Amino acid sequence: MKVWFITGASRGFGALMTKEALAAGDAVVATARNPRAVIEQIGDNPNLLAVALDLTNEAQAKEAAAKAIERFGRIDVLVNNAGYGLLGAVEEATAEEIEKLYATNVFGVLKVTRAVLPYMRRQRSGHVLNFSSIGGYFGYPGWGVYGSTKFAVEGLSESLSAELEPFGIKVTIIEPGFFRTDFLADNSLSVSAAAIPDYIGTPAGNMRDFGAVEEVL
């Protein structure tokens, strides 16, 4: 039985991976801001531990990892899945929007990874799965700031892979394309509040309009 530690487990890929791991007989530490949402989505299971985790809170990340060890004794697979998107031209994004996005998509990944790695090193085994995106290796208009967070995840992951190999720990980057999840819902996607008229009709402006239509649909 493997023990999975999955962030953003209350919906989307996180919920799906949690269900599949449990169905395979594995144990899952499923984290979300609201752990009750995990139970509502997944249901009760003796191999499921739902834990509250705000990715921007380093102390909470360490506490969640400690709870996983206390319950199951080890962590075999870490899935850094939680994150959200920001739609808008780079110029339209405010400093606050950019900092908030990086706090979750980049610094959150770092905080959780750094909280889990000491246990994996002690085991001399483990696998880290970092969710990036097709936007992590190719820039798209309207997704510049979001894509930059995924470029950061790519660089961190490649370095981690080399650093952790001596300890028997593997690192894999997952780069999803277009999947029918709730990524365009308002709890997964933020749209820059500032809309500069000059961008109307440009690739960035058209992408903003496309995203708004998809969100409504």
N, C-alpha and C. Protein backbone atom coordinates (compact mmCIF):
# COMPACT_ATOMS: atom_id res chain seq x y z
N MET A 1 0.83 -1.19 0.00
CA MET A 1 0.00 0.00 0.00
C MET A 1 0.87 1.25 0.00
N LYS A 2 0.63 2.12 -0.97
CA LYS A 2 1.33 3.39 -1.03
C LYS A 2 0.53 4.45 -0.30
N VAL A 3 1.24 5.44 0.22
CA VAL A 3 0.60 6.56 0.89
C VAL A 3 0.80 7.81 0.04
N TRP A 4 -0.32 8.38 -0.40
CA TRP A 4 -0.31 9.57 -1.24
C TRP A 4 -0.60 10.81 -0.40
N PHE A 5 0.06 11.91 -0.72
CA PHE A 5 -0.21 13.22 -0.11
C PHE A 5 -0.58 14.14 -1.26
N ILE A 6 -1.86 14.51 -1.35
CA ILE A 6 -2.37 15.24 -2.51
C ILE A 6 -2.92 16.59 -2.10
N THR A 7 -2.44 17.66 -2.72
CA THR A 7 -2.97 18.99 -2.44
C THR A 7 -4.10 19.30 -3.42
N GLY A 8 -5.02 20.15 -2.98
CA GLY A 8 -6.15 20.50 -3.83
C GLY A 8 -7.01 19.29 -4.14
N ALA A 9 -7.29 18.48 -3.12
CA ALA A 9 -7.94 17.19 -3.34
C ALA A 9 -9.47 17.24 -3.33
N SER A 10 -10.04 18.42 -3.18
CA SER A 10 -11.49 18.50 -3.08
C SER A 10 -12.18 18.59 -4.43
N ARG A 11 -11.41 18.80 -5.50
CA ARG A 11 -12.02 18.92 -6.82
C ARG A 11 -10.98 18.68 -7.92
N GLY A 12 -11.45 18.64 -9.15
CA GLY A 12 -10.57 18.51 -10.30
C GLY A 12 -9.67 17.28 -10.28
N PHE A 13 -8.45 17.47 -10.78
CA PHE A 13 -7.49 16.35 -10.83
C PHE A 13 -7.22 15.79 -9.44
N GLY A 14 -7.18 16.67 -8.44
CA GLY A 14 -6.88 16.21 -7.08
C GLY A 14 -7.90 15.22 -6.57
N ALA A 15 -9.18 15.53 -6.78
CA ALA A 15 -10.25 14.62 -6.35
C ALA A 15 -10.21 13.32 -7.14
N LEU A 16 -9.96 13.43 -8.44
CA LEU A 16 -9.92 12.24 -9.28
C LEU A 16 -8.77 11.31 -8.87
N MET A 17 -7.59 11.88 -8.63
CA MET A 17 -6.45 11.07 -8.22
C MET A 17 -6.69 10.43 -6.85
N THR A 18 -7.35 11.17 -5.97
CA THR A 18 -7.67 10.63 -4.66
C THR A 18 -8.58 9.41 -4.78
N LYS A 19 -9.60 9.52 -5.60
CA LYS A 19 -10.54 8.42 -5.80
C LYS A 19 -9.84 7.20 -6.40
N GLU A 20 -8.99 7.44 -7.39
CA GLU A 20 -8.30 6.33 -8.06
C GLU A 20 -7.32 5.65 -7.13
N ALA A 21 -6.61 6.42 -6.32
CA ALA A 21 -5.65 5.83 -5.39
C ALA A 21 -6.36 4.98 -4.33
N LEU A 22 -7.47 5.49 -3.82
CA LEU A 22 -8.24 4.73 -2.83
C LEU A 22 -8.81 3.46 -3.44
N ALA A 23 -9.28 3.56 -4.69
CA ALA A 23 -9.84 2.40 -5.37
C ALA A 23 -8.78 1.31 -5.58
N ALA A 24 -7.52 1.74 -5.69
CA ALA A 24 -6.42 0.79 -5.88
C ALA A 24 -5.94 0.19 -4.56
N GLY A 25 -6.56 0.63 -3.46
CA GLY A 25 -6.19 0.09 -2.16
C GLY A 25 -5.11 0.88 -1.45
N ASP A 26 -4.75 2.05 -1.99
CA ASP A 26 -3.73 2.88 -1.36
C ASP A 26 -4.36 3.80 -0.32
N ALA A 27 -3.52 4.46 0.46
CA ALA A 27 -3.98 5.44 1.44
C ALA A 27 -3.71 6.83 0.91
N VAL A 28 -4.58 7.78 1.26
CA VAL A 28 -4.43 9.14 0.75
C VAL A 28 -4.60 10.16 1.87
N VAL A 29 -3.64 11.06 1.95
CA VAL A 29 -3.77 12.24 2.79
C VAL A 29 -4.21 13.33 1.82
N ALA A 30 -5.50 13.67 1.89
CA ALA A 30 -6.11 14.60 0.93
C ALA A 30 -6.25 15.97 1.58
N THR A 31 -5.55 16.95 1.04
CA THR A 31 -5.55 18.27 1.66
C THR A 31 -6.39 19.27 0.86
N ALA A 32 -6.96 20.20 1.58
CA ALA A 32 -7.74 21.28 0.98
C ALA A 32 -7.92 22.36 2.04
N ARG A 33 -8.28 23.55 1.62
CA ARG A 33 -8.54 24.61 2.59
C ARG A 33 -9.66 24.18 3.54
N ASN A 34 -10.65 23.49 2.98
CA ASN A 34 -11.77 22.98 3.78
C ASN A 34 -11.79 21.46 3.68
N PRO A 35 -11.27 20.73 4.67
CA PRO A 35 -11.23 19.27 4.57
C PRO A 35 -12.61 18.62 4.48
N ARG A 36 -13.65 19.31 4.98
CA ARG A 36 -15.01 18.78 4.87
C ARG A 36 -15.41 18.64 3.41
N ALA A 37 -14.92 19.53 2.57
CA ALA A 37 -15.23 19.46 1.14
C ALA A 37 -14.64 18.20 0.52
N VAL A 38 -13.53 17.73 1.06
CA VAL A 38 -12.93 16.48 0.57
C VAL A 38 -13.85 15.30 0.89
N ILE A 39 -14.33 15.25 2.12
CA ILE A 39 -15.22 14.16 2.52
C ILE A 39 -16.50 14.19 1.70
N GLU A 40 -17.03 15.38 1.44
CA GLU A 40 -18.25 15.49 0.65
C GLU A 40 -18.03 15.02 -0.78
N GLN A 41 -16.84 15.25 -1.31
CA GLN A 41 -16.52 14.86 -2.68
C GLN A 41 -16.15 13.39 -2.79
N ILE A 42 -15.37 12.90 -1.83
CA ILE A 42 -14.83 11.54 -1.91
C ILE A 42 -15.66 10.53 -1.13
N GLY A 43 -16.18 10.94 0.02
CA GLY A 43 -16.89 10.02 0.91
C GLY A 43 -15.95 9.48 1.97
N ASP A 44 -16.51 8.84 2.96
CA ASP A 44 -15.70 8.28 4.05
C ASP A 44 -14.96 7.03 3.58
N ASN A 45 -13.72 6.89 4.03
CA ASN A 45 -12.91 5.74 3.68
C ASN A 45 -11.84 5.59 4.76
N PRO A 46 -11.64 4.37 5.28
CA PRO A 46 -10.64 4.19 6.35
C PRO A 46 -9.22 4.55 5.92
N ASN A 47 -8.95 4.55 4.62
CA ASN A 47 -7.62 4.88 4.12
C ASN A 47 -7.50 6.35 3.72
N LEU A 48 -8.51 7.15 4.05
CA LEU A 48 -8.51 8.56 3.68
C LEU A 48 -8.35 9.43 4.93
N LEU A 49 -7.39 10.35 4.86
CA LEU A 49 -7.21 11.35 5.91
C LEU A 49 -7.33 12.72 5.27
N ALA A 50 -8.42 13.42 5.57
CA ALA A 50 -8.63 14.77 5.03
C ALA A 50 -8.01 15.77 6.00
N VAL A 51 -7.16 16.64 5.48
CA VAL A 51 -6.42 17.57 6.32
C VAL A 51 -6.55 18.99 5.76
N ALA A 52 -6.74 19.95 6.66
CA ALA A 52 -6.80 21.35 6.25
C ALA A 52 -5.41 21.84 5.86
N LEU A 53 -5.32 22.52 4.72
CA LEU A 53 -4.03 23.05 4.29
C LEU A 53 -4.22 24.28 3.41
N ASP A 54 -3.71 25.39 3.89
CA ASP A 54 -3.59 26.61 3.11
C ASP A 54 -2.15 26.65 2.62
N LEU A 55 -1.95 26.55 1.32
CA LEU A 55 -0.60 26.45 0.76
C LEU A 55 0.30 27.62 1.13
N THR A 56 -0.29 28.74 1.47
CA THR A 56 0.53 29.90 1.80
C THR A 56 1.02 29.88 3.25
N ASN A 57 0.60 28.87 4.01
CA ASN A 57 0.94 28.76 5.43
C ASN A 57 1.95 27.65 5.63
N GLU A 58 3.23 28.02 5.81
CA GLU A 58 4.29 27.02 5.92
C GLU A 58 4.13 26.15 7.16
N ALA A 59 3.72 26.75 8.26
CA ALA A 59 3.53 25.98 9.49
C ALA A 59 2.44 24.93 9.31
N GLN A 60 1.39 25.30 8.59
CA GLN A 60 0.29 24.36 8.35
C GLN A 60 0.74 23.23 7.43
N ALA A 61 1.62 23.53 6.48
CA ALA A 61 2.14 22.51 5.58
C ALA A 61 2.95 21.47 6.38
N LYS A 62 3.78 21.95 7.29
CA LYS A 62 4.56 21.05 8.13
C LYS A 62 3.65 20.21 9.04
N GLU A 63 2.61 20.84 9.55
CA GLU A 63 1.67 20.14 10.42
C GLU A 63 0.93 19.05 9.65
N ALA A 64 0.53 19.36 8.41
CA ALA A 64 -0.17 18.38 7.58
C ALA A 64 0.73 17.18 7.28
N ALA A 65 2.00 17.44 6.98
CA ALA A 65 2.94 16.34 6.71
C ALA A 65 3.14 15.49 7.95
N ALA A 66 3.22 16.15 9.11
CA ALA A 66 3.39 15.41 10.37
C ALA A 66 2.18 14.53 10.66
N LYS A 67 0.98 15.04 10.36
CA LYS A 67 -0.24 14.26 10.57
C LYS A 67 -0.25 13.02 9.66
N ALA A 68 0.26 13.19 8.45
CA ALA A 68 0.33 12.06 7.52
C ALA A 68 1.23 10.97 8.08
N ILE A 69 2.36 11.36 8.62
CA ILE A 69 3.30 10.39 9.19
C ILE A 69 2.71 9.75 10.44
N GLU A 70 2.04 10.55 11.24
CA GLU A 70 1.44 10.03 12.46
C GLU A 70 0.37 8.97 12.15
N ARG A 71 -0.40 9.19 11.09
CA ARG A 71 -1.49 8.29 10.73
C ARG A 71 -0.99 7.06 9.96
N PHE A 72 -0.13 7.27 8.96
CA PHE A 72 0.24 6.18 8.06
C PHE A 72 1.71 5.77 8.14
N GLY A 73 2.55 6.56 8.80
CA GLY A 73 3.94 6.17 9.00
C GLY A 73 4.89 6.54 7.89
N ARG A 74 4.40 6.97 6.74
CA ARG A 74 5.27 7.30 5.62
C ARG A 74 4.49 8.10 4.58
N ILE A 75 5.20 8.70 3.64
CA ILE A 75 4.59 9.36 2.48
C ILE A 75 5.36 8.87 1.26
N ASP A 76 4.68 8.17 0.38
CA ASP A 76 5.33 7.61 -0.80
C ASP A 76 5.22 8.51 -2.03
N VAL A 77 4.09 9.18 -2.16
CA VAL A 77 3.86 10.02 -3.34
C VAL A 77 3.32 11.37 -2.91
N LEU A 78 4.00 12.43 -3.30
CA LEU A 78 3.52 13.79 -3.07
C LEU A 78 3.01 14.34 -4.39
N VAL A 79 1.76 14.79 -4.39
CA VAL A 79 1.18 15.38 -5.59
C VAL A 79 0.90 16.86 -5.33
N ASN A 80 1.71 17.73 -5.91
CA ASN A 80 1.49 19.17 -5.81
C ASN A 80 0.55 19.59 -6.93
N ASN A 81 -0.74 19.47 -6.63
CA ASN A 81 -1.77 19.71 -7.63
C ASN A 81 -2.47 21.05 -7.48
N ALA A 82 -2.58 21.55 -6.25
CA ALA A 82 -3.36 22.76 -6.00
C ALA A 82 -2.76 23.98 -6.69
N GLY A 83 -3.63 24.84 -7.17
CA GLY A 83 -3.21 26.06 -7.82
C GLY A 83 -4.39 26.69 -8.53
N TYR A 84 -4.18 27.87 -9.11
CA TYR A 84 -5.26 28.50 -9.86
C TYR A 84 -4.68 29.36 -10.97
N GLY A 85 -5.54 29.82 -11.86
CA GLY A 85 -5.09 30.59 -13.02
C GLY A 85 -5.37 32.07 -12.88
N LEU A 86 -4.66 32.85 -13.65
CA LEU A 86 -4.90 34.29 -13.75
C LEU A 86 -4.94 34.66 -15.23
N LEU A 87 -6.07 35.18 -15.66
CA LEU A 87 -6.27 35.53 -17.06
C LEU A 87 -6.21 37.04 -17.24
N GLY A 88 -5.43 37.47 -18.22
CA GLY A 88 -5.29 38.89 -18.51
C GLY A 88 -3.91 39.17 -19.06
N ALA A 89 -3.78 40.26 -19.78
CA ALA A 89 -2.47 40.65 -20.30
C ALA A 89 -1.51 40.92 -19.14
N VAL A 90 -0.23 40.73 -19.38
CA VAL A 90 0.78 40.95 -18.33
C VAL A 90 0.67 42.37 -17.79
N GLU A 91 0.46 43.35 -18.65
CA GLU A 91 0.36 44.74 -18.22
C GLU A 91 -0.87 44.97 -17.35
N GLU A 92 -1.92 44.18 -17.56
CA GLU A 92 -3.16 44.38 -16.82
C GLU A 92 -3.10 43.82 -15.40
N ALA A 93 -2.24 42.87 -15.17
CA ALA A 93 -2.16 42.24 -13.85
C ALA A 93 -1.57 43.20 -12.83
N THR A 94 -2.20 43.28 -11.67
CA THR A 94 -1.69 44.15 -10.61
C THR A 94 -0.63 43.41 -9.80
N ALA A 95 0.16 44.18 -9.06
CA ALA A 95 1.19 43.57 -8.21
C ALA A 95 0.55 42.63 -7.20
N GLU A 96 -0.60 43.04 -6.67
CA GLU A 96 -1.28 42.19 -5.68
C GLU A 96 -1.73 40.87 -6.29
N GLU A 97 -2.29 40.93 -7.51
CA GLU A 97 -2.74 39.72 -8.19
C GLU A 97 -1.56 38.79 -8.47
N ILE A 98 -0.45 39.36 -8.91
CA ILE A 98 0.73 38.55 -9.24
C ILE A 98 1.31 37.90 -7.99
N GLU A 99 1.44 38.68 -6.93
CA GLU A 99 2.00 38.14 -5.69
C GLU A 99 1.12 37.05 -5.10
N LYS A 100 -0.19 37.23 -5.17
CA LYS A 100 -1.11 36.22 -4.66
C LYS A 100 -1.01 34.92 -5.46
N LEU A 101 -0.87 35.06 -6.78
CA LEU A 101 -0.75 33.88 -7.64
C LEU A 101 0.53 33.11 -7.34
N TYR A 102 1.63 33.85 -7.22
CA TYR A 102 2.91 33.20 -6.92
C TYR A 102 2.90 32.57 -5.53
N ALA A 103 2.19 33.19 -4.60
CA ALA A 103 2.13 32.65 -3.23
C ALA A 103 1.54 31.25 -3.22
N THR A 104 0.61 30.98 -4.12
CA THR A 104 0.00 29.64 -4.20
C THR A 104 0.74 28.74 -5.18
N ASN A 105 0.88 29.19 -6.42
CA ASN A 105 1.38 28.32 -7.48
C ASN A 105 2.87 27.98 -7.39
N VAL A 106 3.64 28.86 -6.78
CA VAL A 106 5.09 28.63 -6.68
C VAL A 106 5.53 28.44 -5.24
N PHE A 107 5.30 29.44 -4.42
CA PHE A 107 5.75 29.35 -3.02
C PHE A 107 4.98 28.27 -2.25
N GLY A 108 3.72 28.04 -2.64
CA GLY A 108 2.95 26.97 -2.02
C GLY A 108 3.54 25.60 -2.33
N VAL A 109 3.94 25.41 -3.59
CA VAL A 109 4.59 24.15 -3.98
C VAL A 109 5.88 23.96 -3.19
N LEU A 110 6.63 25.03 -3.05
CA LEU A 110 7.89 24.95 -2.30
C LEU A 110 7.64 24.61 -0.83
N LYS A 111 6.66 25.24 -0.22
CA LYS A 111 6.39 25.01 1.20
C LYS A 111 5.97 23.58 1.47
N VAL A 112 5.08 23.05 0.64
CA VAL A 112 4.62 21.68 0.83
C VAL A 112 5.75 20.68 0.55
N THR A 113 6.48 20.92 -0.52
CA THR A 113 7.58 20.01 -0.88
C THR A 113 8.64 19.98 0.22
N ARG A 114 8.99 21.15 0.73
CA ARG A 114 10.00 21.21 1.78
C ARG A 114 9.50 20.58 3.08
N ALA A 115 8.18 20.56 3.27
CA ALA A 115 7.64 19.93 4.47
C ALA A 115 7.65 18.41 4.38
N VAL A 116 7.52 17.89 3.17
CA VAL A 116 7.42 16.43 2.96
C VAL A 116 8.79 15.78 2.75
N LEU A 117 9.72 16.48 2.11
CA LEU A 117 11.00 15.88 1.74
C LEU A 117 11.80 15.28 2.90
N PRO A 118 11.81 15.87 4.09
CA PRO A 118 12.57 15.23 5.17
C PRO A 118 12.14 13.79 5.45
N TYR A 119 10.84 13.51 5.32
CA TYR A 119 10.35 12.16 5.55
C TYR A 119 10.74 11.23 4.40
N MET A 120 10.69 11.75 3.17
CA MET A 120 11.10 10.93 2.03
C MET A 120 12.59 10.63 2.08
N ARG A 121 13.39 11.61 2.48
CA ARG A 121 14.83 11.37 2.59
C ARG A 121 15.12 10.31 3.65
N ARG A 122 14.39 10.37 4.74
CA ARG A 122 14.57 9.38 5.80
C ARG A 122 14.23 7.97 5.29
N GLN A 123 13.22 7.89 4.44
CA GLN A 123 12.82 6.60 3.86
C GLN A 123 13.78 6.14 2.77
N ARG A 124 14.49 7.13 2.18
CA ARG A 124 15.31 6.88 0.99
C ARG A 124 14.43 6.39 -0.17
N SER A 125 13.25 6.96 -0.26
CA SER A 125 12.34 6.62 -1.37
C SER A 125 11.22 7.66 -1.41
N GLY A 126 10.57 7.74 -2.55
CA GLY A 126 9.45 8.65 -2.71
C GLY A 126 9.34 9.14 -4.15
N HIS A 127 8.22 9.76 -4.45
CA HIS A 127 7.98 10.28 -5.79
C HIS A 127 7.21 11.58 -5.66
N VAL A 128 7.73 12.64 -6.23
CA VAL A 128 7.09 13.95 -6.21
C VAL A 128 6.51 14.21 -7.60
N LEU A 129 5.20 14.47 -7.64
CA LEU A 129 4.52 14.78 -8.90
C LEU A 129 4.09 16.25 -8.85
N ASN A 130 4.69 17.07 -9.69
CA ASN A 130 4.39 18.49 -9.71
C ASN A 130 3.54 18.83 -10.93
N PHE A 131 2.36 19.38 -10.66
CA PHE A 131 1.49 19.78 -11.77
C PHE A 131 1.95 21.10 -12.35
N SER A 132 2.33 21.06 -13.61
CA SER A 132 2.65 22.26 -14.37
C SER A 132 1.49 22.47 -15.34
N SER A 133 1.79 22.71 -16.60
CA SER A 133 0.76 22.97 -17.60
C SER A 133 1.44 23.05 -18.95
N ILE A 134 0.65 22.95 -20.02
CA ILE A 134 1.24 23.23 -21.33
C ILE A 134 1.74 24.68 -21.35
N GLY A 135 1.16 25.50 -20.48
CA GLY A 135 1.62 26.89 -20.35
C GLY A 135 2.93 26.99 -19.60
N GLY A 136 3.48 25.84 -19.19
CA GLY A 136 4.75 25.83 -18.49
C GLY A 136 5.95 25.70 -19.40
N TYR A 137 5.70 25.47 -20.69
CA TYR A 137 6.82 25.40 -21.63
C TYR A 137 6.55 26.19 -22.91
N PHE A 138 5.42 26.87 -22.99
CA PHE A 138 5.11 27.71 -24.15
C PHE A 138 4.20 28.84 -23.68
N GLY A 139 4.55 30.08 -24.02
CA GLY A 139 3.77 31.23 -23.57
C GLY A 139 2.56 31.49 -24.45
N TYR A 140 1.44 31.84 -23.81
CA TYR A 140 0.20 32.14 -24.53
C TYR A 140 -0.27 33.55 -24.16
N PRO A 141 -0.77 34.32 -25.12
CA PRO A 141 -1.28 35.65 -24.79
C PRO A 141 -2.44 35.56 -23.82
N GLY A 142 -2.42 36.43 -22.84
CA GLY A 142 -3.47 36.43 -21.83
C GLY A 142 -3.18 35.54 -20.64
N TRP A 143 -2.14 34.71 -20.78
CA TRP A 143 -1.79 33.78 -19.69
C TRP A 143 -0.34 33.96 -19.25
N GLY A 144 0.23 35.13 -19.51
CA GLY A 144 1.65 35.33 -19.25
C GLY A 144 2.06 35.15 -17.80
N VAL A 145 1.32 35.77 -16.89
CA VAL A 145 1.69 35.67 -15.47
C VAL A 145 1.45 34.26 -14.96
N TYR A 146 0.31 33.68 -15.31
CA TYR A 146 0.03 32.30 -14.90
C TYR A 146 1.09 31.36 -15.46
N GLY A 147 1.39 31.51 -16.76
CA GLY A 147 2.40 30.65 -17.38
C GLY A 147 3.75 30.80 -16.70
N SER A 148 4.08 32.00 -16.24
CA SER A 148 5.37 32.20 -15.60
C SER A 148 5.48 31.40 -14.30
N THR A 149 4.34 31.22 -13.61
CA THR A 149 4.39 30.40 -12.39
C THR A 149 4.66 28.94 -12.74
N LYS A 150 4.14 28.51 -13.87
CA LYS A 150 4.35 27.13 -14.29
C LYS A 150 5.77 26.92 -14.84
N PHE A 151 6.31 27.96 -15.49
CA PHE A 151 7.73 27.89 -15.89
C PHE A 151 8.59 27.73 -14.64
N ALA A 152 8.23 28.41 -13.57
CA ALA A 152 8.97 28.29 -12.31
C ALA A 152 8.89 26.88 -11.76
N VAL A 153 7.71 26.28 -11.82
CA VAL A 153 7.54 24.90 -11.35
C VAL A 153 8.40 23.95 -12.16
N GLU A 154 8.48 24.19 -13.47
CA GLU A 154 9.30 23.35 -14.34
C GLU A 154 10.77 23.42 -13.91
N GLY A 155 11.28 24.63 -13.71
CA GLY A 155 12.69 24.79 -13.35
C GLY A 155 13.00 24.19 -11.99
N LEU A 156 12.11 24.41 -11.03
CA LEU A 156 12.30 23.83 -9.71
C LEU A 156 12.30 22.30 -9.78
N SER A 157 11.39 21.77 -10.56
CA SER A 157 11.26 20.31 -10.65
C SER A 157 12.48 19.67 -11.29
N GLU A 158 13.00 20.30 -12.33
CA GLU A 158 14.18 19.74 -13.00
C GLU A 158 15.38 19.72 -12.06
N SER A 159 15.55 20.79 -11.29
CA SER A 159 16.65 20.83 -10.33
C SER A 159 16.43 19.82 -9.20
N LEU A 160 15.20 19.76 -8.71
CA LEU A 160 14.87 18.80 -7.65
C LEU A 160 15.17 17.37 -8.08
N SER A 161 14.87 17.06 -9.33
CA SER A 161 15.09 15.71 -9.83
C SER A 161 16.55 15.30 -9.67
N ALA A 162 17.45 16.22 -10.01
CA ALA A 162 18.89 15.93 -9.89
C ALA A 162 19.32 15.89 -8.43
N GLU A 163 18.76 16.79 -7.63
CA GLU A 163 19.15 16.87 -6.22
C GLU A 163 18.69 15.66 -5.41
N LEU A 164 17.53 15.12 -5.76
CA LEU A 164 16.93 14.06 -4.95
C LEU A 164 17.25 12.64 -5.44
N GLU A 165 17.83 12.54 -6.62
CA GLU A 165 18.16 11.21 -7.15
C GLU A 165 19.03 10.39 -6.20
N PRO A 166 20.03 10.97 -5.53
CA PRO A 166 20.87 10.17 -4.62
C PRO A 166 20.09 9.56 -3.46
N PHE A 167 18.89 10.09 -3.17
CA PHE A 167 18.09 9.59 -2.06
C PHE A 167 16.99 8.63 -2.50
N GLY A 168 17.00 8.28 -3.77
CA GLY A 168 15.98 7.35 -4.27
C GLY A 168 14.62 8.00 -4.47
N ILE A 169 14.60 9.33 -4.56
CA ILE A 169 13.35 10.07 -4.73
C ILE A 169 13.25 10.56 -6.18
N LYS A 170 12.12 10.27 -6.82
CA LYS A 170 11.91 10.67 -8.20
C LYS A 170 11.04 11.92 -8.26
N VAL A 171 11.20 12.69 -9.33
CA VAL A 171 10.38 13.88 -9.55
C VAL A 171 9.82 13.82 -10.96
N THR A 172 8.53 14.02 -11.08
CA THR A 172 7.88 14.02 -12.39
C THR A 172 7.06 15.29 -12.56
N ILE A 173 7.19 15.91 -13.73
CA ILE A 173 6.39 17.10 -14.06
C ILE A 173 5.19 16.64 -14.88
N ILE A 174 4.00 17.06 -14.49
CA ILE A 174 2.78 16.75 -15.23
C ILE A 174 2.33 18.02 -15.94
N GLU A 175 2.15 17.94 -17.26
CA GLU A 175 1.82 19.12 -18.07
C GLU A 175 0.48 18.92 -18.79
N PRO A 176 -0.63 19.11 -18.07
CA PRO A 176 -1.94 18.89 -18.71
C PRO A 176 -2.21 19.91 -19.80
N GLY A 177 -2.94 19.46 -20.80
CA GLY A 177 -3.44 20.36 -21.83
C GLY A 177 -4.85 20.76 -21.46
N PHE A 178 -5.78 20.61 -22.42
CA PHE A 178 -7.16 21.01 -22.18
C PHE A 178 -7.98 19.81 -21.71
N PHE A 179 -8.42 19.87 -20.46
CA PHE A 179 -9.26 18.82 -19.89
C PHE A 179 -10.54 19.44 -19.37
N ARG A 180 -11.61 18.67 -19.34
CA ARG A 180 -12.89 19.19 -18.87
C ARG A 180 -12.95 19.11 -17.34
N THR A 181 -12.26 20.03 -16.70
CA THR A 181 -12.33 20.15 -15.24
C THR A 181 -13.01 21.49 -14.94
N ASP A 182 -12.98 21.90 -13.67
CA ASP A 182 -13.59 23.18 -13.31
C ASP A 182 -12.54 24.29 -13.25
N PHE A 183 -11.50 24.18 -14.05
CA PHE A 183 -10.41 25.17 -14.01
C PHE A 183 -10.91 26.57 -14.33
N LEU A 184 -11.92 26.69 -15.20
CA LEU A 184 -12.42 28.01 -15.58
C LEU A 184 -13.50 28.53 -14.64
N ALA A 185 -13.82 27.75 -13.60
CA ALA A 185 -14.78 28.23 -12.61
C ALA A 185 -14.14 29.31 -11.76
N ASP A 186 -14.97 30.11 -11.09
CA ASP A 186 -14.43 31.26 -10.36
C ASP A 186 -13.59 30.87 -9.14
N ASN A 187 -13.66 29.60 -8.72
CA ASN A 187 -12.81 29.18 -7.60
C ASN A 187 -11.46 28.64 -8.09
N SER A 188 -11.26 28.60 -9.40
CA SER A 188 -9.98 28.14 -9.96
C SER A 188 -9.33 29.17 -10.87
N LEU A 189 -10.10 30.14 -11.32
CA LEU A 189 -9.58 31.12 -12.26
C LEU A 189 -9.91 32.53 -11.81
N SER A 190 -8.89 33.37 -11.79
CA SER A 190 -9.07 34.79 -11.49
C SER A 190 -8.80 35.57 -12.78
N VAL A 191 -9.59 36.59 -13.00
CA VAL A 191 -9.40 37.44 -14.18
C VAL A 191 -8.93 38.81 -13.69
N SER A 192 -7.87 39.31 -14.29
CA SER A 192 -7.33 40.61 -13.88
C SER A 192 -8.43 41.66 -13.86
N ALA A 193 -8.52 42.38 -12.75
CA ALA A 193 -9.59 43.37 -12.59
C ALA A 193 -9.45 44.51 -13.59
N ALA A 194 -8.22 44.87 -13.90
CA ALA A 194 -7.97 45.97 -14.84
C ALA A 194 -8.04 45.45 -16.27
N ALA A 195 -8.88 46.08 -17.08
CA ALA A 195 -8.98 45.73 -18.50
C ALA A 195 -8.61 46.97 -19.31
N ILE A 196 -7.45 46.95 -19.95
CA ILE A 196 -6.97 48.11 -20.71
C ILE A 196 -7.61 48.09 -22.10
N PRO A 197 -8.33 49.15 -22.48
CA PRO A 197 -9.05 49.18 -23.77
C PRO A 197 -8.17 48.88 -24.98
N ASP A 198 -6.90 49.28 -24.95
CA ASP A 198 -6.02 49.05 -26.09
C ASP A 198 -5.89 47.56 -26.44
N TYR A 199 -6.12 46.68 -25.48
CA TYR A 199 -5.96 45.26 -25.73
C TYR A 199 -7.18 44.62 -26.36
N ILE A 200 -8.29 45.37 -26.45
CA ILE A 200 -9.49 44.83 -27.09
C ILE A 200 -9.19 44.49 -28.55
N GLY A 201 -9.52 43.28 -28.95
CA GLY A 201 -9.27 42.84 -30.32
C GLY A 201 -7.89 42.28 -30.56
N THR A 202 -7.00 42.36 -29.58
CA THR A 202 -5.66 41.77 -29.70
C THR A 202 -5.72 40.33 -29.19
N PRO A 203 -4.66 39.54 -29.41
CA PRO A 203 -4.68 38.16 -28.89
C PRO A 203 -4.96 38.07 -27.39
N ALA A 204 -4.39 38.98 -26.61
CA ALA A 204 -4.62 38.95 -25.16
C ALA A 204 -6.07 39.31 -24.84
N GLY A 205 -6.58 40.33 -25.52
CA GLY A 205 -7.97 40.74 -25.28
C GLY A 205 -8.96 39.68 -25.71
N ASN A 206 -8.69 39.04 -26.84
CA ASN A 206 -9.58 37.98 -27.30
C ASN A 206 -9.56 36.79 -26.35
N MET A 207 -8.39 36.50 -25.78
CA MET A 207 -8.30 35.40 -24.83
C MET A 207 -9.09 35.72 -23.57
N ARG A 208 -9.05 36.96 -23.13
CA ARG A 208 -9.84 37.37 -21.97
C ARG A 208 -11.33 37.15 -22.25
N ASP A 209 -11.79 37.57 -23.43
CA ASP A 209 -13.20 37.40 -23.78
C ASP A 209 -13.57 35.92 -23.89
N PHE A 210 -12.67 35.13 -24.46
CA PHE A 210 -12.91 33.69 -24.60
C PHE A 210 -13.04 33.05 -23.24
N GLY A 211 -12.14 33.42 -22.31
CA GLY A 211 -12.18 32.86 -20.97
C GLY A 211 -13.45 33.22 -20.25
N ALA A 212 -13.92 34.45 -20.45
CA ALA A 212 -15.15 34.89 -19.79
C ALA A 212 -16.36 34.11 -20.31
N VAL A 213 -16.40 33.88 -21.62
CA VAL A 213 -17.50 33.10 -22.21
C VAL A 213 -17.47 31.68 -21.70
N GLU A 214 -16.28 31.05 -21.68
CA GLU A 214 -16.15 29.68 -21.21
C GLU A 214 -16.57 29.55 -19.75
N GLU A 215 -16.25 30.58 -18.95
CA GLU A 215 -16.61 30.53 -17.54
C GLU A 215 -18.11 30.54 -17.38
N VAL A 216 -18.80 31.36 -18.18
CA VAL A 216 -20.25 31.43 -18.11
C VAL A 216 -20.88 30.12 -18.56
N LEU A 217 -20.34 29.53 -19.63
CA LEU A 217 -20.87 28.27 -20.13
C LEU A 217 -20.64 27.15 -19.12
